[in-house]
PDB file of all heavy atoms in Angstrom:
ATOM      1  N   GLN A   1       0.837  -1.224  -0.115  1.00  0.00           N
ATOM      2  CA  GLN A   1      -0.015  -0.003  -0.034  1.00  0.00           C
ATOM      3  C   GLN A   1       0.883   1.153   0.002  1.00  0.00           C
ATOM      4  O   GLN A   1       1.816   1.348   0.730  1.00  0.00           O
ATOM      5  CB  GLN A   1      -0.935   0.044   1.225  1.00  0.00           C
ATOM      6  CG  GLN A   1      -1.832   1.283   1.246  1.00  0.00           C
ATOM      7  CD  GLN A   1      -3.102   0.963   2.079  1.00  0.00           C
ATOM      8  OE1 GLN A   1      -3.482  -0.116   2.177  1.00  0.00           O
ATOM      9  NE2 GLN A   1      -3.806   2.051   2.343  1.00  0.00           N
ATOM     10  N   ILE A   2       0.478   2.214  -0.852  1.00  0.00           N
ATOM     11  CA  ILE A   2       1.194   3.487  -0.931  1.00  0.00           C
ATOM     12  C   ILE A   2       0.121   4.628  -0.760  1.00  0.00           C
ATOM     13  O   ILE A   2      -1.043   4.464  -0.993  1.00  0.00           O
ATOM     14  CB  ILE A   2       2.034   3.576  -2.093  1.00  0.00           C
ATOM     15  CG1 ILE A   2       1.122   3.674  -3.417  1.00  0.00           C
ATOM     16  CG2 ILE A   2       3.104   2.521  -2.207  1.00  0.00           C
ATOM     17  CD1 ILE A   2       1.801   4.259  -4.622  1.00  0.00           C
ATOM     18  N   GLY A   3       0.609   5.758  -0.435  1.00  0.00           N
ATOM     19  CA  GLY A   3      -0.221   6.959  -0.404  1.00  0.00           C
ATOM     20  C   GLY A   3      -0.409   7.445   0.995  1.00  0.00           C
ATOM     21  O   GLY A   3      -0.027   6.796   1.944  1.00  0.00           O
ATOM     22  N   ILE A   4      -0.943   8.642   1.042  1.00  0.00           N
ATOM     23  CA  ILE A   4      -1.081   9.293   2.454  1.00  0.00           C
ATOM     24  C   ILE A   4      -2.337   8.755   3.210  1.00  0.00           C
ATOM     25  O   ILE A   4      -2.330   9.008   4.309  1.00  0.00           O
ATOM     26  CB  ILE A   4      -1.213  10.882   2.270  1.00  0.00           C
ATOM     27  CG1 ILE A   4      -2.315  11.207   1.250  1.00  0.00           C
ATOM     28  CG2 ILE A   4       0.124  11.384   1.822  1.00  0.00           C
ATOM     29  CD1 ILE A   4      -2.496  12.708   1.202  1.00  0.00           C
ATOM     30  N   TYR A   5      -3.273   8.136   2.490  1.00  0.00           N
ATOM     31  CA  TYR A   5      -4.550   7.673   3.192  1.00  0.00           C
ATOM     32  C   TYR A   5      -4.568   6.132   3.002  1.00  0.00           C
ATOM     33  O   TYR A   5      -4.028   5.619   2.031  1.00  0.00           O
ATOM     34  CB  TYR A   5      -5.749   8.352   2.686  1.00  0.00           C
ATOM     35  CG  TYR A   5      -5.859   9.761   2.732  1.00  0.00           C
ATOM     36  CD1 TYR A   5      -6.414  10.772   1.775  1.00  0.00           C
ATOM     37  CD2 TYR A   5      -5.386  10.434   3.901  1.00  0.00           C
ATOM     38  CE1 TYR A   5      -6.395  12.107   1.866  1.00  0.00           C
ATOM     39  CE2 TYR A   5      -5.379  11.735   4.055  1.00  0.00           C
ATOM     40  CZ  TYR A   5      -6.008  12.655   2.968  1.00  0.00           C
ATOM     41  OH  TYR A   5      -6.041  13.889   3.240  1.00  0.00           O
ATOM     42  N   ASN A   6      -5.436   5.574   3.841  1.00  0.00           N
ATOM     43  CA  ASN A   6      -5.780   4.108   3.906  1.00  0.00           C
ATOM     44  C   ASN A   6      -7.251   4.084   4.637  1.00  0.00           C
ATOM     45  O   ASN A   6      -7.616   5.019   5.122  1.00  0.00           O
ATOM     46  CB  ASN A   6      -4.648   3.445   4.531  1.00  0.00           C
ATOM     47  CG  ASN A   6      -4.452   3.822   6.055  1.00  0.00           C
ATOM     48  OD1 ASN A   6      -5.295   3.536   6.837  1.00  0.00           O
ATOM     49  ND2 ASN A   6      -3.272   4.218   6.477  1.00  0.00           N
ATOM     50  N   PRO A   7      -7.699   2.923   4.558  1.00  0.00           N
ATOM     51  CA  PRO A   7      -9.004   2.747   5.232  1.00  0.00           C
ATOM     52  C   PRO A   7      -9.182   3.207   6.489  1.00  0.00           C
ATOM     53  O   PRO A   7     -10.218   3.561   7.047  1.00  0.00           O
ATOM     54  CB  PRO A   7      -9.444   1.224   4.984  1.00  0.00           C
ATOM     55  CG  PRO A   7      -8.676   0.953   3.774  1.00  0.00           C
ATOM     56  CD  PRO A   7      -7.328   1.535   3.821  1.00  0.00           C
ATOM     57  N   GLY A   8      -7.977   3.115   7.348  1.00  0.00           N
ATOM     58  CA  GLY A   8      -8.071   3.554   8.742  1.00  0.00           C
ATOM     59  C   GLY A   8      -7.716   4.967   8.995  1.00  0.00           C
ATOM     60  O   GLY A   8      -7.844   5.482  10.057  1.00  0.00           O
ATOM     61  N   TYR A   9      -7.319   5.773   7.959  1.00  0.00           N
ATOM     62  CA  TYR A   9      -7.035   7.140   8.058  1.00  0.00           C
ATOM     63  C   TYR A   9      -7.329   7.870   6.826  1.00  0.00           C
ATOM     64  O   TYR A   9      -6.679   7.724   5.759  1.00  0.00           O
ATOM     65  CB  TYR A   9      -5.517   7.264   8.465  1.00  0.00           C
ATOM     66  CG  TYR A   9      -5.114   8.729   8.785  1.00  0.00           C
ATOM     67  CD1 TYR A   9      -5.210   9.134  10.057  1.00  0.00           C
ATOM     68  CD2 TYR A   9      -4.569   9.551   7.744  1.00  0.00           C
ATOM     69  CE1 TYR A   9      -4.816  10.511  10.392  1.00  0.00           C
ATOM     70  CE2 TYR A   9      -4.222  10.837   8.080  1.00  0.00           C
ATOM     71  CZ  TYR A   9      -4.507  11.359   9.274  1.00  0.00           C
ATOM     72  OH  TYR A   9      -4.086  12.549   9.679  1.00  0.00           O
ATOM     73  N   VAL A  10      -8.222   8.803   6.870  1.00  0.00           N
ATOM     74  CA  VAL A  10      -8.645   9.642   5.780  1.00  0.00           C
ATOM     75  C   VAL A  10      -8.893  10.989   6.311  1.00  0.00           C
ATOM     76  O   VAL A  10      -9.916  11.135   7.042  1.00  0.00           O
ATOM     77  CB  VAL A  10      -9.834   9.143   4.997  1.00  0.00           C
ATOM     78  CG1 VAL A  10      -9.990  10.021   3.579  1.00  0.00           C
ATOM     79  CG2 VAL A  10      -9.645   7.622   4.545  1.00  0.00           C
ATOM     80  N   ARG A  11      -8.168  12.050   6.047  1.00  0.00           N
ATOM     81  CA  ARG A  11      -8.284  13.335   6.461  1.00  0.00           C
ATOM     82  C   ARG A  11      -8.458  13.460   7.958  1.00  0.00           C
ATOM     83  O   ARG A  11      -9.280  14.182   8.508  1.00  0.00           O
ATOM     84  CB  ARG A  11      -9.630  13.993   5.756  1.00  0.00           C
ATOM     85  CG  ARG A  11      -9.361  14.231   4.283  1.00  0.00           C
ATOM     86  CD  ARG A  11     -10.610  14.648   3.601  1.00  0.00           C
ATOM     87  NE  ARG A  11     -10.338  15.074   2.138  1.00  0.00           N
ATOM     88  CZ  ARG A  11     -11.178  15.527   1.254  1.00  0.00           C
ATOM     89  NH1 ARG A  11     -12.470  15.631   1.668  1.00  0.00           N
ATOM     90  NH2 ARG A  11     -10.980  15.796   0.113  1.00  0.00           N
ATOM     91  N   GLY A  12      -7.695  12.526   8.613  1.00  0.00           N
ATOM     92  CA  GLY A  12      -7.700  12.447  10.123  1.00  0.00           C
ATOM     93  C   GLY A  12      -8.829  11.520  10.687  1.00  0.00           C
ATOM     94  O   GLY A  12      -8.916  11.361  11.951  1.00  0.00           O
ATOM     95  N   PHE A  13      -9.637  10.991   9.911  1.00  0.00           N
ATOM     96  CA  PHE A  13     -10.570  10.029  10.338  1.00  0.00           C
ATOM     97  C   PHE A  13     -10.400   8.660   9.846  1.00  0.00           C
ATOM     98  O   PHE A  13      -9.604   8.374   8.955  1.00  0.00           O
ATOM     99  CB  PHE A  13     -12.031  10.542   9.987  1.00  0.00           C
ATOM    100  CG  PHE A  13     -12.377  11.824  10.711  1.00  0.00           C
ATOM    101  CD1 PHE A  13     -12.387  13.002   9.974  1.00  0.00           C
ATOM    102  CD2 PHE A  13     -12.634  11.991  12.017  1.00  0.00           C
ATOM    103  CE1 PHE A  13     -12.712  14.252  10.577  1.00  0.00           C
ATOM    104  CE2 PHE A  13     -12.884  13.274  12.684  1.00  0.00           C
ATOM    105  CZ  PHE A  13     -12.981  14.372  11.887  1.00  0.00           C
ATOM    106  N   SER A  14     -11.259   7.832  10.191  1.00  0.00           N
ATOM    107  CA  SER A  14     -11.314   6.302   9.611  1.00  0.00           C
ATOM    108  C   SER A  14     -12.449   6.143   8.889  1.00  0.00           C
ATOM    109  O   SER A  14     -13.623   6.090   9.323  1.00  0.00           O
ATOM    110  CB  SER A  14     -11.249   5.307  10.855  1.00  0.00           C
ATOM    111  OG  SER A  14     -11.311   4.007  10.422  1.00  0.00           O
ATOM    112  N   ALA A  15     -12.262   5.884   7.573  1.00  0.00           N
ATOM    113  CA  ALA A  15     -13.312   5.437   6.704  1.00  0.00           C
ATOM    114  C   ALA A  15     -13.812   4.105   6.953  1.00  0.00           C
ATOM    115  O   ALA A  15     -15.043   3.836   6.984  1.00  0.00           O
ATOM    116  CB  ALA A  15     -12.894   5.489   5.114  1.00  0.00           C
ATOM    117  N   GLN A  16     -13.092   3.215   7.571  1.00  0.00           N
ATOM    118  CA  GLN A  16     -13.522   1.965   7.898  1.00  0.00           C
ATOM    119  C   GLN A  16     -14.368   2.076   9.084  1.00  0.00           C
ATOM    120  O   GLN A  16     -15.475   1.322   9.212  1.00  0.00           O
ATOM    121  CB  GLN A  16     -12.245   0.973   8.300  1.00  0.00           C
ATOM    122  CG  GLN A  16     -12.682  -0.387   8.631  1.00  0.00           C
ATOM    123  CD  GLN A  16     -11.357  -1.153   8.658  1.00  0.00           C
ATOM    124  OE1 GLN A  16     -10.422  -1.183   7.790  1.00  0.00           O
ATOM    125  NE2 GLN A  16     -11.086  -1.921   9.844  1.00  0.00           N
ATOM    126  N   GLU A  17     -14.106   2.798  10.251  1.00  0.00           N
ATOM    127  CA  GLU A  17     -14.914   2.916  11.308  1.00  0.00           C
ATOM    128  C   GLU A  17     -16.268   3.548  10.917  1.00  0.00           C
ATOM    129  O   GLU A  17     -17.323   3.354  11.410  1.00  0.00           O
ATOM    130  CB  GLU A  17     -14.296   3.810  12.411  1.00  0.00           C
ATOM    131  CG  GLU A  17     -13.099   2.955  13.111  1.00  0.00           C
ATOM    132  CD  GLU A  17     -12.551   3.857  14.363  1.00  0.00           C
ATOM    133  OE1 GLU A  17     -12.836   5.049  14.320  1.00  0.00           O
ATOM    134  OE2 GLU A  17     -11.878   3.272  15.160  1.00  0.00           O
ATOM    135  N   ALA A  18     -16.175   4.551  10.039  1.00  0.00           N
ATOM    136  CA  ALA A  18     -17.346   5.333   9.537  1.00  0.00           C
ATOM    137  C   ALA A  18     -18.256   4.409   8.777  1.00  0.00           C
ATOM    138  O   ALA A  18     -19.519   4.866   8.563  1.00  0.00           O
ATOM    139  CB  ALA A  18     -17.026   6.502   8.770  1.00  0.00           C
ATOM    140  N   GLY A  19     -17.884   3.185   8.278  1.00  0.00           N
ATOM    141  CA  GLY A  19     -18.717   2.440   7.434  1.00  0.00           C
ATOM    142  C   GLY A  19     -18.654   2.716   6.010  1.00  0.00           C
ATOM    143  O   GLY A  19     -19.634   2.322   5.211  1.00  0.00           O
ATOM    144  N   ASN A  20     -17.707   3.479   5.474  1.00  0.00           N
ATOM    145  CA  ASN A  20     -17.672   3.962   4.041  1.00  0.00           C
ATOM    146  C   ASN A  20     -16.802   2.983   3.197  1.00  0.00           C
ATOM    147  O   ASN A  20     -15.807   3.467   2.621  1.00  0.00           O
ATOM    148  CB  ASN A  20     -17.009   5.431   4.114  1.00  0.00           C
ATOM    149  CG  ASN A  20     -17.873   6.314   4.739  1.00  0.00           C
ATOM    150  OD1 ASN A  20     -19.124   6.197   4.934  1.00  0.00           O
ATOM    151  ND2 ASN A  20     -17.329   7.410   5.254  1.00  0.00           N
ATOM    152  N   ILE A  21     -17.130   1.681   3.366  1.00  0.00           N
ATOM    153  CA  ILE A  21     -16.421   0.728   2.561  1.00  0.00           C
ATOM    154  C   ILE A  21     -17.305   0.264   1.387  1.00  0.00           C
ATOM    155  O   ILE A  21     -18.546   0.232   1.501  1.00  0.00           O
ATOM    156  CB  ILE A  21     -16.177  -0.603   3.494  1.00  0.00           C
ATOM    157  CG1 ILE A  21     -15.375  -0.104   4.668  1.00  0.00           C
ATOM    158  CG2 ILE A  21     -15.410  -1.690   2.566  1.00  0.00           C
ATOM    159  CD1 ILE A  21     -13.939   0.393   4.369  1.00  0.00           C
ATOM    160  N   ARG A  22     -16.737   0.211   0.206  1.00  0.00           N
ATOM    161  CA  ARG A  22     -17.532  -0.236  -0.989  1.00  0.00           C
ATOM    162  C   ARG A  22     -16.714  -1.389  -1.528  1.00  0.00           C
ATOM    163  O   ARG A  22     -15.557  -1.506  -1.453  1.00  0.00           O
ATOM    164  CB  ARG A  22     -17.547   0.859  -2.039  1.00  0.00           C
ATOM    165  CG  ARG A  22     -18.210   2.042  -1.483  1.00  0.00           C
ATOM    166  CD  ARG A  22     -19.674   1.954  -1.340  1.00  0.00           C
ATOM    167  NE  ARG A  22     -20.218   3.226  -0.914  1.00  0.00           N
ATOM    168  CZ  ARG A  22     -20.415   3.661   0.412  1.00  0.00           C
ATOM    169  NH1 ARG A  22     -19.986   2.971   1.322  1.00  0.00           N
ATOM    170  NH2 ARG A  22     -20.975   4.769   0.549  1.00  0.00           N
ATOM    171  N   LEU A  23     -17.469  -2.472  -2.140  1.00  0.00           N
ATOM    172  CA  LEU A  23     -16.874  -3.606  -2.854  1.00  0.00           C
ATOM    173  C   LEU A  23     -17.458  -3.477  -4.251  1.00  0.00           C
ATOM    174  O   LEU A  23     -18.664  -3.562  -4.466  1.00  0.00           O
ATOM    175  CB  LEU A  23     -17.370  -4.860  -2.091  1.00  0.00           C
ATOM    176  CG  LEU A  23     -16.676  -6.171  -2.511  1.00  0.00           C
ATOM    177  CD1 LEU A  23     -15.144  -6.108  -2.484  1.00  0.00           C
ATOM    178  CD2 LEU A  23     -17.201  -7.304  -1.662  1.00  0.00           C
ATOM    179  N   ASP A  24     -16.419  -3.422  -5.172  1.00  0.00           N
ATOM    180  CA  ASP A  24     -16.855  -3.233  -6.614  1.00  0.00           C
ATOM    181  C   ASP A  24     -17.806  -2.080  -6.732  1.00  0.00           C
ATOM    182  O   ASP A  24     -18.803  -2.064  -7.473  1.00  0.00           O
ATOM    183  CB  ASP A  24     -17.431  -4.485  -7.290  1.00  0.00           C
ATOM    184  CG  ASP A  24     -16.342  -5.343  -7.735  1.00  0.00           C
ATOM    185  OD1 ASP A  24     -15.091  -5.158  -7.431  1.00  0.00           O
ATOM    186  OD2 ASP A  24     -16.635  -6.410  -8.394  1.00  0.00           O
ATOM    187  N   GLY A  25     -17.584  -0.947  -5.959  1.00  0.00           N
ATOM    188  CA  GLY A  25     -18.538   0.166  -5.984  1.00  0.00           C
ATOM    189  C   GLY A  25     -19.728   0.113  -5.175  1.00  0.00           C
ATOM    190  O   GLY A  25     -20.466   1.074  -5.226  1.00  0.00           O
ATOM    191  N   LEU A  26     -20.127  -1.021  -4.600  1.00  0.00           N
ATOM    192  CA  LEU A  26     -21.430  -1.247  -3.964  1.00  0.00           C
ATOM    193  C   LEU A  26     -21.118  -1.315  -2.432  1.00  0.00           C
ATOM    194  O   LEU A  26     -20.118  -1.665  -1.879  1.00  0.00           O
ATOM    195  CB  LEU A  26     -22.036  -2.479  -4.399  1.00  0.00           C
ATOM    196  CG  LEU A  26     -22.464  -2.569  -5.933  1.00  0.00           C
ATOM    197  CD1 LEU A  26     -22.950  -3.812  -6.229  1.00  0.00           C
ATOM    198  CD2 LEU A  26     -23.602  -1.531  -6.094  1.00  0.00           C
ATOM    199  N   TYR A  27     -22.249  -0.721  -1.770  1.00  0.00           N
ATOM    200  CA  TYR A  27     -22.188  -0.652  -0.286  1.00  0.00           C
ATOM    201  C   TYR A  27     -22.012  -2.056   0.431  1.00  0.00           C
ATOM    202  O   TYR A  27     -22.775  -2.968   0.129  1.00  0.00           O
ATOM    203  CB  TYR A  27     -23.323   0.135   0.276  1.00  0.00           C
ATOM    204  CG  TYR A  27     -23.478   0.011   1.819  1.00  0.00           C
ATOM    205  CD1 TYR A  27     -22.738   0.849   2.546  1.00  0.00           C
ATOM    206  CD2 TYR A  27     -24.407  -0.763   2.382  1.00  0.00           C
ATOM    207  CE1 TYR A  27     -22.868   0.837   3.947  1.00  0.00           C
ATOM    208  CE2 TYR A  27     -24.596  -0.830   3.729  1.00  0.00           C
ATOM    209  CZ  TYR A  27     -23.811  -0.084   4.471  1.00  0.00           C
ATOM    210  OH  TYR A  27     -23.851   0.013   5.874  1.00  0.00           O
ATOM    211  N   ILE A  28     -21.122  -2.283   1.320  1.00  0.00           N
ATOM    212  CA  ILE A  28     -21.090  -3.250   2.156  1.00  0.00           C
ATOM    213  C   ILE A  28     -20.678  -2.906   3.667  1.00  0.00           C
ATOM    214  O   ILE A  28     -20.023  -2.017   3.912  1.00  0.00           O
ATOM    215  CB  ILE A  28     -19.931  -4.297   1.704  1.00  0.00           C
ATOM    216  CG1 ILE A  28     -19.758  -5.409   2.761  1.00  0.00           C
ATOM    217  CG2 ILE A  28     -18.512  -3.595   1.587  1.00  0.00           C
ATOM    218  CD1 ILE A  28     -18.862  -6.495   2.231  1.00  0.00           C
ATOM    219  N   ASP A  29     -21.472  -3.500   4.610  1.00  0.00           N
ATOM    220  CA  ASP A  29     -21.234  -3.139   5.975  1.00  0.00           C
ATOM    221  C   ASP A  29     -20.191  -4.175   6.512  1.00  0.00           C
ATOM    222  O   ASP A  29     -20.430  -5.172   6.990  1.00  0.00           O
ATOM    223  CB  ASP A  29     -22.577  -3.277   6.819  1.00  0.00           C
ATOM    224  CG  ASP A  29     -22.477  -2.937   8.266  1.00  0.00           C
ATOM    225  OD1 ASP A  29     -21.533  -2.155   8.552  1.00  0.00           O
ATOM    226  OD2 ASP A  29     -23.294  -3.449   9.015  1.00  0.00           O
ATOM    227  N   GLN A  30     -18.900  -3.833   6.261  1.00  0.00           N
ATOM    228  CA  GLN A  30     -17.843  -4.740   6.531  1.00  0.00           C
ATOM    229  C   GLN A  30     -17.490  -4.875   8.082  1.00  0.00           C
ATOM    230  O   GLN A  30     -17.319  -3.953   8.865  1.00  0.00           O
ATOM    231  CB  GLN A  30     -16.561  -4.158   5.938  1.00  0.00           C
ATOM    232  CG  GLN A  30     -15.424  -5.047   6.120  1.00  0.00           C
ATOM    233  CD  GLN A  30     -14.060  -4.335   5.750  1.00  0.00           C
ATOM    234  OE1 GLN A  30     -13.929  -3.276   5.646  1.00  0.00           O
ATOM    235  NE2 GLN A  30     -12.964  -5.237   5.650  1.00  0.00           N
ATOM    236  N   GLN A  31     -17.614  -6.068   8.509  1.00  0.00           N
ATOM    237  CA  GLN A  31     -17.381  -6.351   9.850  1.00  0.00           C
ATOM    238  C   GLN A  31     -16.109  -7.243   9.947  1.00  0.00           C
ATOM    239  O   GLN A  31     -15.267  -7.397  11.099  1.00  0.00           O
ATOM    240  CB  GLN A  31     -18.423  -7.347  10.466  1.00  0.00           C
ATOM    241  CG  GLN A  31     -19.840  -6.649  10.460  1.00  0.00           C
ATOM    242  CD  GLN A  31     -19.836  -5.252  11.247  1.00  0.00           C
ATOM    243  OE1 GLN A  31     -19.454  -5.252  12.405  1.00  0.00           O
ATOM    244  NE2 GLN A  31     -20.228  -4.247  10.502  1.00  0.00           N
ATOM    245  N   ALA A  32     -15.724  -7.947   8.865  1.00  0.00           N
ATOM    246  CA  ALA A  32     -14.561  -8.906   8.914  1.00  0.00           C
ATOM    247  C   ALA A  32     -13.519  -8.430   7.915  1.00  0.00           C
ATOM    248  O   ALA A  32     -13.821  -7.770   6.767  1.00  0.00           O
ATOM    249  CB  ALA A  32     -15.072 -10.316   8.492  1.00  0.00           C
ATOM    250  N   THR A  33     -12.337  -8.733   8.240  1.00  0.00           N
ATOM    251  CA  THR A  33     -11.146  -8.281   7.403  1.00  0.00           C
ATOM    252  C   THR A  33     -11.291  -9.079   6.008  1.00  0.00           C
ATOM    253  O   THR A  33     -11.635 -10.268   5.962  1.00  0.00           O
ATOM    254  CB  THR A  33      -9.851  -8.897   7.973  1.00  0.00           C
ATOM    255  OG1 THR A  33      -9.787  -8.115   9.386  1.00  0.00           O
ATOM    256  CG2 THR A  33      -8.528  -8.554   7.212  1.00  0.00           C
ATOM    257  N   PHE A  34     -10.963  -8.317   5.028  1.00  0.00           N
ATOM    258  CA  PHE A  34     -10.838  -8.995   3.678  1.00  0.00           C
ATOM    259  C   PHE A  34      -9.493  -9.628   3.517  1.00  0.00           C
ATOM    260  O   PHE A  34      -8.462  -9.193   4.039  1.00  0.00           O
ATOM    261  CB  PHE A  34     -10.997  -7.872   2.612  1.00  0.00           C
ATOM    262  CG  PHE A  34     -12.267  -7.229   2.439  1.00  0.00           C
ATOM    263  CD1 PHE A  34     -12.511  -5.856   2.351  1.00  0.00           C
ATOM    264  CD2 PHE A  34     -13.428  -7.967   2.394  1.00  0.00           C
ATOM    265  CE1 PHE A  34     -13.627  -5.210   2.089  1.00  0.00           C
ATOM    266  CE2 PHE A  34     -14.703  -7.359   2.194  1.00  0.00           C
ATOM    267  CZ  PHE A  34     -14.824  -6.040   2.127  1.00  0.00           C
ATOM    268  N   THR A  35      -9.538 -10.605   2.669  1.00  0.00           N
ATOM    269  CA  THR A  35      -8.251 -11.340   2.384  1.00  0.00           C
ATOM    270  C   THR A  35      -7.827 -11.142   0.947  1.00  0.00           C
ATOM    271  O   THR A  35      -8.764 -10.901   0.060  1.00  0.00           O
ATOM    272  CB  THR A  35      -8.300 -12.882   2.694  1.00  0.00           C
ATOM    273  OG1 THR A  35      -7.212 -13.504   2.028  1.00  0.00           O
ATOM    274  CG2 THR A  35      -9.578 -13.457   2.013  1.00  0.00           C
ATOM    275  N   ASP A  36      -6.553 -11.146   0.750  1.00  0.00           N
ATOM    276  CA  ASP A  36      -6.117 -10.933  -0.716  1.00  0.00           C
ATOM    277  C   ASP A  36      -6.512 -12.100  -1.565  1.00  0.00           C
ATOM    278  O   ASP A  36      -6.381 -11.954  -2.795  1.00  0.00           O
ATOM    279  CB  ASP A  36      -4.606 -10.800  -0.720  1.00  0.00           C
ATOM    280  CG  ASP A  36      -4.028  -9.421  -0.385  1.00  0.00           C
ATOM    281  OD1 ASP A  36      -4.874  -8.536  -0.533  1.00  0.00           O
ATOM    282  OD2 ASP A  36      -3.024  -9.194   0.249  1.00  0.00           O
ATOM    283  N   ARG A  37      -6.917 -13.250  -1.035  1.00  0.00           N
ATOM    284  CA  ARG A  37      -7.466 -14.225  -1.900  1.00  0.00           C
ATOM    285  C   ARG A  37      -8.616 -13.810  -2.585  1.00  0.00           C
ATOM    286  O   ARG A  37      -8.943 -14.267  -3.694  1.00  0.00           O
ATOM    287  CB  ARG A  37      -7.818 -15.411  -0.958  1.00  0.00           C
ATOM    288  CG  ARG A  37      -6.727 -16.082  -0.037  1.00  0.00           C
ATOM    289  CD  ARG A  37      -5.659 -16.742  -0.752  1.00  0.00           C
ATOM    290  NE  ARG A  37      -4.823 -15.926  -1.550  1.00  0.00           N
ATOM    291  CZ  ARG A  37      -3.832 -15.118  -0.980  1.00  0.00           C
ATOM    292  NH1 ARG A  37      -3.801 -14.870   0.268  1.00  0.00           N
ATOM    293  NH2 ARG A  37      -3.181 -14.293  -1.843  1.00  0.00           N
ATOM    294  N   ALA A  38      -9.440 -12.795  -2.113  1.00  0.00           N
ATOM    295  CA  ALA A  38     -10.671 -12.453  -2.860  1.00  0.00           C
ATOM    296  C   ALA A  38     -10.549 -10.941  -3.346  1.00  0.00           C
ATOM    297  O   ALA A  38     -11.437 -10.508  -4.089  1.00  0.00           O
ATOM    298  CB  ALA A  38     -11.826 -12.568  -1.771  1.00  0.00           C
TER     299      ALA A  38
END
């Protein structure tokens, strides 16, 4: 991973904690860690 932001830190907040996760552009309420297998 490169860049100034990641799911745990965006503009000083966490997109992951906020529930702003998308999978192929669609909303998912992520509770579990994704694996690189998928």
